[in-house]
């Protein structure tokens, strides 16, 4: 039971990361160029979301 719950949470976390990478690629196309950056953004998507939001607010 616990293993299934942990696997579901990991899958949910990675799914949200995948969604964020897709949004980020559409909003700022030149940000993610290599596979390494794609994977890093996928795994560290909360940090990427915070940084992207802060830079977009500064530009306005």
PDB file of N, CA and C in Angstrom:
ATOM      1  N   UNK A   1       0.819  -1.198   0.000  1.00  0.00           N
ATOM      2  CA  UNK A   1       0.000   0.000   0.000  1.00  0.00           C
ATOM      3  C   UNK A   1       0.863   1.261   0.000  1.00  0.00           C
ATOM      4  N   UNK A   2       1.861   1.293   0.884  1.00  0.00           N
ATOM      5  CA  UNK A   2       2.719   2.469   0.959  1.00  0.00           C
ATOM      6  C   UNK A   2       3.550   2.648  -0.311  1.00  0.00           C
ATOM      7  N   UNK A   3       4.008   1.538  -0.878  1.00  0.00           N
ATOM      8  CA  UNK A   3       4.802   1.612  -2.101  1.00  0.00           C
ATOM      9  C   UNK A   3       3.971   2.164  -3.251  1.00  0.00           C
ATOM     10  N   UNK A   4       2.736   1.726  -3.343  1.00  0.00           N
ATOM     11  CA  UNK A   4       1.846   2.223  -4.395  1.00  0.00           C
ATOM     12  C   UNK A   4       1.586   3.709  -4.259  1.00  0.00           C
ATOM     13  N   UNK A   5       1.397   4.166  -3.032  1.00  0.00           N
ATOM     14  CA  UNK A   5       1.161   5.586  -2.788  1.00  0.00           C
ATOM     15  C   UNK A   5       2.387   6.414  -3.156  1.00  0.00           C
ATOM     16  N   UNK A   6       3.554   5.942  -2.781  1.00  0.00           N
ATOM     17  CA  UNK A   6       4.786   6.664  -3.106  1.00  0.00           C
ATOM     18  C   UNK A   6       4.997   6.705  -4.614  1.00  0.00           C
ATOM     19  N   UNK A   7       4.752   5.596  -5.297  1.00  0.00           N
ATOM     20  CA  UNK A   7       4.883   5.583  -6.756  1.00  0.00           C
ATOM     21  C   UNK A   7       3.895   6.537  -7.416  1.00  0.00           C
ATOM     22  N   UNK A   8       2.675   6.592  -6.899  1.00  0.00           N
ATOM     23  CA  UNK A   8       1.678   7.525  -7.442  1.00  0.00           C
ATOM     24  C   UNK A   8       2.122   8.973  -7.242  1.00  0.00           C
ATOM     25  N   UNK A   9       2.684   9.289  -6.078  1.00  0.00           N
ATOM     26  CA  UNK A   9       3.155  10.649  -5.818  1.00  0.00           C
ATOM     27  C   UNK A   9       4.327  11.020  -6.721  1.00  0.00           C
ATOM     28  N   UNK A  10       5.232  10.073  -6.952  1.00  0.00           N
ATOM     29  CA  UNK A  10       6.359  10.330  -7.855  1.00  0.00           C
ATOM     30  C   UNK A  10       5.857  10.548  -9.273  1.00  0.00           C
ATOM     31  N   UNK A  11       4.922   9.729  -9.707  1.00  0.00           N
ATOM     32  CA  UNK A  11       4.357   9.885 -11.054  1.00  0.00           C
ATOM     33  C   UNK A  11       3.643  11.224 -11.179  1.00  0.00           C
ATOM     34  N   UNK A  12       2.891  11.617 -10.161  1.00  0.00           N
ATOM     35  CA  UNK A  12       2.189  12.903 -10.168  1.00  0.00           C
ATOM     36  C   UNK A  12       3.181  14.059 -10.223  1.00  0.00           C
ATOM     37  N   UNK A  13       4.258  13.970  -9.431  1.00  0.00           N
ATOM     38  CA  UNK A  13       5.292  15.006  -9.415  1.00  0.00           C
ATOM     39  C   UNK A  13       5.936  15.152 -10.796  1.00  0.00           C
ATOM     40  N   UNK A  14       6.301  14.026 -11.408  1.00  0.00           N
ATOM     41  CA  UNK A  14       6.927  14.075 -12.731  1.00  0.00           C
ATOM     42  C   UNK A  14       5.941  14.533 -13.801  1.00  0.00           C
ATOM     43  N   UNK A  15       4.669  14.200 -13.650  1.00  0.00           N
ATOM     44  CA  UNK A  15       3.662  14.664 -14.608  1.00  0.00           C
ATOM     45  C   UNK A  15       3.524  16.185 -14.538  1.00  0.00           C
ATOM     46  N   UNK A  16       3.496  16.731 -13.328  1.00  0.00           N
ATOM     47  CA  UNK A  16       3.439  18.190 -13.195  1.00  0.00           C
ATOM     48  C   UNK A  16       4.691  18.843 -13.779  1.00  0.00           C
ATOM     49  N   UNK A  17       5.845  18.214 -13.587  1.00  0.00           N
ATOM     50  CA  UNK A  17       7.076  18.723 -14.182  1.00  0.00           C
ATOM     51  C   UNK A  17       7.021  18.702 -15.696  1.00  0.00           C
ATOM     52  N   UNK A  18       6.487  17.632 -16.259  1.00  0.00           N
ATOM     53  CA  UNK A  18       6.362  17.516 -17.710  1.00  0.00           C
ATOM     54  C   UNK A  18       5.427  18.599 -18.251  1.00  0.00           C
ATOM     55  N   UNK A  19       4.329  18.846 -17.527  1.00  0.00           N
ATOM     56  CA  UNK A  19       3.401  19.909 -17.946  1.00  0.00           C
ATOM     57  C   UNK A  19       4.078  21.270 -17.886  1.00  0.00           C
ATOM     58  N   UNK A  20       4.857  21.521 -16.829  1.00  0.00           N
ATOM     59  CA  UNK A  20       5.536  22.803 -16.691  1.00  0.00           C
ATOM     60  C   UNK A  20       6.570  22.995 -17.802  1.00  0.00           C
ATOM     61  N   UNK A  21       7.298  21.942 -18.153  1.00  0.00           N
ATOM     62  CA  UNK A  21       8.286  22.046 -19.233  1.00  0.00           C
ATOM     63  C   UNK A  21       7.588  22.385 -20.545  1.00  0.00           C
ATOM     64  N   UNK A  22       6.440  21.786 -20.802  1.00  0.00           N
ATOM     65  CA  UNK A  22       5.689  22.086 -22.028  1.00  0.00           C
ATOM     66  C   UNK A  22       5.236  23.536 -22.064  1.00  0.00           C
ATOM     67  N   UNK A  23       4.735  24.031 -20.942  1.00  0.00           N
ATOM     68  CA  UNK A  23       4.309  25.435 -20.870  1.00  0.00           C
ATOM     69  C   UNK A  23       5.500  26.360 -21.054  1.00  0.00           C
ATOM     70  N   UNK A  24       6.597  26.063 -20.382  1.00  0.00           N
ATOM     71  CA  UNK A  24       7.788  26.909 -20.467  1.00  0.00           C
ATOM     72  C   UNK A  24       8.347  26.945 -21.883  1.00  0.00           C
ATOM     73  N   UNK A  25       8.320  25.815 -22.592  1.00  0.00           N
ATOM     74  CA  UNK A  25       8.809  25.785 -23.970  1.00  0.00           C
ATOM     75  C   UNK A  25       7.949  26.635 -24.891  1.00  0.00           C
ATOM     76  N   UNK A  26       6.652  26.738 -24.605  1.00  0.00           N
ATOM     77  CA  UNK A  26       5.770  27.557 -25.446  1.00  0.00           C
ATOM     78  C   UNK A  26       5.884  29.039 -25.120  1.00  0.00           C
ATOM     79  N   UNK A  27       6.054  29.368 -23.836  1.00  0.00           N
ATOM     80  CA  UNK A  27       6.120  30.770 -23.418  1.00  0.00           C
ATOM     81  C   UNK A  27       7.466  31.382 -23.780  1.00  0.00           C
ATOM     82  N   UNK A  28       8.554  30.677 -23.469  1.00  0.00           N
ATOM     83  CA  UNK A  28       9.907  31.159 -23.751  1.00  0.00           C
ATOM     84  C   UNK A  28      10.628  30.068 -24.537  1.00  0.00           C
ATOM     85  N   UNK A  29      10.518  30.089 -25.878  1.00  0.00           N
ATOM     86  CA  UNK A  29      11.033  28.969 -26.680  1.00  0.00           C
ATOM     87  C   UNK A  29      12.542  28.738 -26.590  1.00  0.00           C
ATOM     88  N   UNK A  30      13.337  29.766 -26.351  1.00  0.00           N
ATOM     89  CA  UNK A  30      14.786  29.594 -26.356  1.00  0.00           C
ATOM     90  C   UNK A  30      15.379  29.155 -25.038  1.00  0.00           C
ATOM     91  N   UNK A  31      14.554  28.952 -24.021  1.00  0.00           N
ATOM     92  CA  UNK A  31      15.072  28.639 -22.693  1.00  0.00           C
ATOM     93  C   UNK A  31      15.631  27.224 -22.617  1.00  0.00           C
ATOM     94  N   UNK A  32      14.923  26.251 -23.130  1.00  0.00           N
ATOM     95  CA  UNK A  32      15.337  24.849 -23.023  1.00  0.00           C
ATOM     96  C   UNK A  32      15.874  24.405 -24.377  1.00  0.00           C
ATOM     97  N   UNK A  33      17.192  24.242 -24.459  1.00  0.00           N
ATOM     98  CA  UNK A  33      17.813  23.863 -25.725  1.00  0.00           C
ATOM     99  C   UNK A  33      18.316  22.420 -25.716  1.00  0.00           C
ATOM    100  N   UNK A  34      18.905  21.991 -24.619  1.00  0.00           N
ATOM    101  CA  UNK A  34      19.524  20.668 -24.596  1.00  0.00           C
ATOM    102  C   UNK A  34      18.696  19.675 -23.778  1.00  0.00           C
ATOM    103  N   UNK A  35      19.032  18.402 -23.924  1.00  0.00           N
ATOM    104  CA  UNK A  35      18.348  17.358 -23.159  1.00  0.00           C
ATOM    105  C   UNK A  35      18.636  17.501 -21.669  1.00  0.00           C
ATOM    106  N   UNK A  36      19.859  17.945 -21.346  1.00  0.00           N
ATOM    107  CA  UNK A  36      20.226  18.116 -19.941  1.00  0.00           C
ATOM    108  C   UNK A  36      19.347  19.167 -19.276  1.00  0.00           C
ATOM    109  N   UNK A  37      19.159  20.304 -19.950  1.00  0.00           N
ATOM    110  CA  UNK A  37      18.304  21.359 -19.396  1.00  0.00           C
ATOM    111  C   UNK A  37      16.854  20.894 -19.299  1.00  0.00           C
ATOM    112  N   UNK A  38      16.406  20.117 -20.266  1.00  0.00           N
ATOM    113  CA  UNK A  38      15.041  19.582 -20.241  1.00  0.00           C
ATOM    114  C   UNK A  38      14.849  18.680 -19.025  1.00  0.00           C
ATOM    115  N   UNK A  39      15.790  17.778 -18.822  1.00  0.00           N
ATOM    116  CA  UNK A  39      15.704  16.867 -17.678  1.00  0.00           C
ATOM    117  C   UNK A  39      15.817  17.583 -16.351  1.00  0.00           C
ATOM    118  N   UNK A  40      16.698  18.567 -16.291  1.00  0.00           N
ATOM    119  CA  UNK A  40      16.867  19.339 -15.065  1.00  0.00           C
ATOM    120  C   UNK A  40      15.605  20.123 -14.736  1.00  0.00           C
ATOM    121  N   UNK A  41      14.996  20.714 -15.743  1.00  0.00           N
ATOM    122  CA  UNK A  41      13.752  21.454 -15.534  1.00  0.00           C
ATOM    123  C   UNK A  41      12.624  20.511 -15.143  1.00  0.00           C
ATOM    124  N   UNK A  42      12.619  19.315 -15.707  1.00  0.00           N
ATOM    125  CA  UNK A  42      11.594  18.323 -15.378  1.00  0.00           C
ATOM    126  C   UNK A  42      11.676  17.904 -13.916  1.00  0.00           C
ATOM    127  N   UNK A  43      12.881  17.693 -13.419  1.00  0.00           N
ATOM    128  CA  UNK A  43      13.051  17.227 -12.042  1.00  0.00           C
ATOM    129  C   UNK A  43      12.926  18.373 -11.036  1.00  0.00           C
ATOM    130  N   UNK A  44      13.469  19.524 -11.377  1.00  0.00           N
ATOM    131  CA  UNK A  44      13.454  20.668 -10.456  1.00  0.00           C
ATOM    132  C   UNK A  44      12.412  21.699 -10.863  1.00  0.00           C
ATOM    133  N   UNK A  45      11.239  21.255 -11.294  1.00  0.00           N
ATOM    134  CA  UNK A  45      10.240  22.181 -11.821  1.00  0.00           C
ATOM    135  C   UNK A  45       9.740  23.198 -10.802  1.00  0.00           C
ATOM    136  N   UNK A  46       9.651  22.902  -9.495  1.00  0.00           N
ATOM    137  CA  UNK A  46       9.196  23.969  -8.590  1.00  0.00           C
ATOM    138  C   UNK A  46      10.171  25.144  -8.547  1.00  0.00           C
ATOM    139  N   UNK A  47      11.459  24.837  -8.520  1.00  0.00           N
ATOM    140  CA  UNK A  47      12.470  25.894  -8.525  1.00  0.00           C
ATOM    141  C   UNK A  47      12.445  26.655  -9.844  1.00  0.00           C
ATOM    142  N   UNK A  48      12.301  25.942 -10.941  1.00  0.00           N
ATOM    143  CA  UNK A  48      12.221  26.575 -12.255  1.00  0.00           C
ATOM    144  C   UNK A  48      11.004  27.484 -12.358  1.00  0.00           C
ATOM    145  N   UNK A  49       9.892  27.056 -11.790  1.00  0.00           N
ATOM    146  CA  UNK A  49       8.669  27.860 -11.796  1.00  0.00           C
ATOM    147  C   UNK A  49       8.864  29.159 -11.025  1.00  0.00           C
ATOM    148  N   UNK A  50       9.504  29.086  -9.871  1.00  0.00           N
ATOM    149  CA  UNK A  50       9.752  30.280  -9.058  1.00  0.00           C
ATOM    150  C   UNK A  50      10.679  31.242  -9.786  1.00  0.00           C
ATOM    151  N   UNK A  51      11.749  30.732 -10.366  1.00  0.00           N
ATOM    152  CA  UNK A  51      12.713  31.587 -11.070  1.00  0.00           C
ATOM    153  C   UNK A  51      12.078  32.223 -12.300  1.00  0.00           C
ATOM    154  N   UNK A  52      11.333  31.454 -13.065  1.00  0.00           N
ATOM    155  CA  UNK A  52      10.686  31.992 -14.268  1.00  0.00           C
ATOM    156  C   UNK A  52       9.667  33.061 -13.915  1.00  0.00           C
ATOM    157  N   UNK A  53       8.903  32.841 -12.852  1.00  0.00           N
ATOM    158  CA  UNK A  53       7.914  33.827 -12.426  1.00  0.00           C
ATOM    159  C   UNK A  53       8.594  35.118 -11.980  1.00  0.00           C
ATOM    160  N   UNK A  54       9.695  35.000 -11.266  1.00  0.00           N
ATOM    161  CA  UNK A  54      10.403  36.194 -10.797  1.00  0.00           C
ATOM    162  C   UNK A  54      10.983  36.990 -11.958  1.00  0.00           C
ATOM    163  N   UNK A  55      11.543  36.318 -12.959  1.00  0.00           N
ATOM    164  CA  UNK A  55      12.119  37.047 -14.091  1.00  0.00           C
ATOM    165  C   UNK A  55      11.038  37.656 -14.969  1.00  0.00           C
ATOM    166  N   UNK A  56       9.888  36.995 -15.082  1.00  0.00           N
ATOM    167  CA  UNK A  56       8.802  37.569 -15.876  1.00  0.00           C
ATOM    168  C   UNK A  56       8.211  38.798 -15.197  1.00  0.00           C
ATOM    169  N   UNK A  57       8.182  38.816 -13.869  1.00  0.00           N
ATOM    170  CA  UNK A  57       7.683  39.985 -13.144  1.00  0.00           C
ATOM    171  C   UNK A  57       8.643  41.159 -13.271  1.00  0.00           C
ATOM    172  N   UNK A  58       9.951  40.882 -13.309  1.00  0.00           N
ATOM    173  CA  UNK A  58      10.941  41.950 -13.454  1.00  0.00           C
ATOM    174  C   UNK A  58      10.857  42.604 -14.823  1.00  0.00           C
ATOM    175  N   UNK A  59      10.517  41.830 -15.848  1.00  0.00           N
ATOM    176  CA  UNK A  59      10.447  42.364 -17.206  1.00  0.00           C
ATOM    177  C   UNK A  59       9.252  43.281 -17.399  1.00  0.00           C
ATOM    178  N   UNK A  60       8.213  43.127 -16.617  1.00  0.00           N
ATOM    179  CA  UNK A  60       6.997  43.932 -16.787  1.00  0.00           C
ATOM    180  C   UNK A  60       7.148  45.307 -16.264  1.00  0.00           C
TER     181      UNK A  60
END
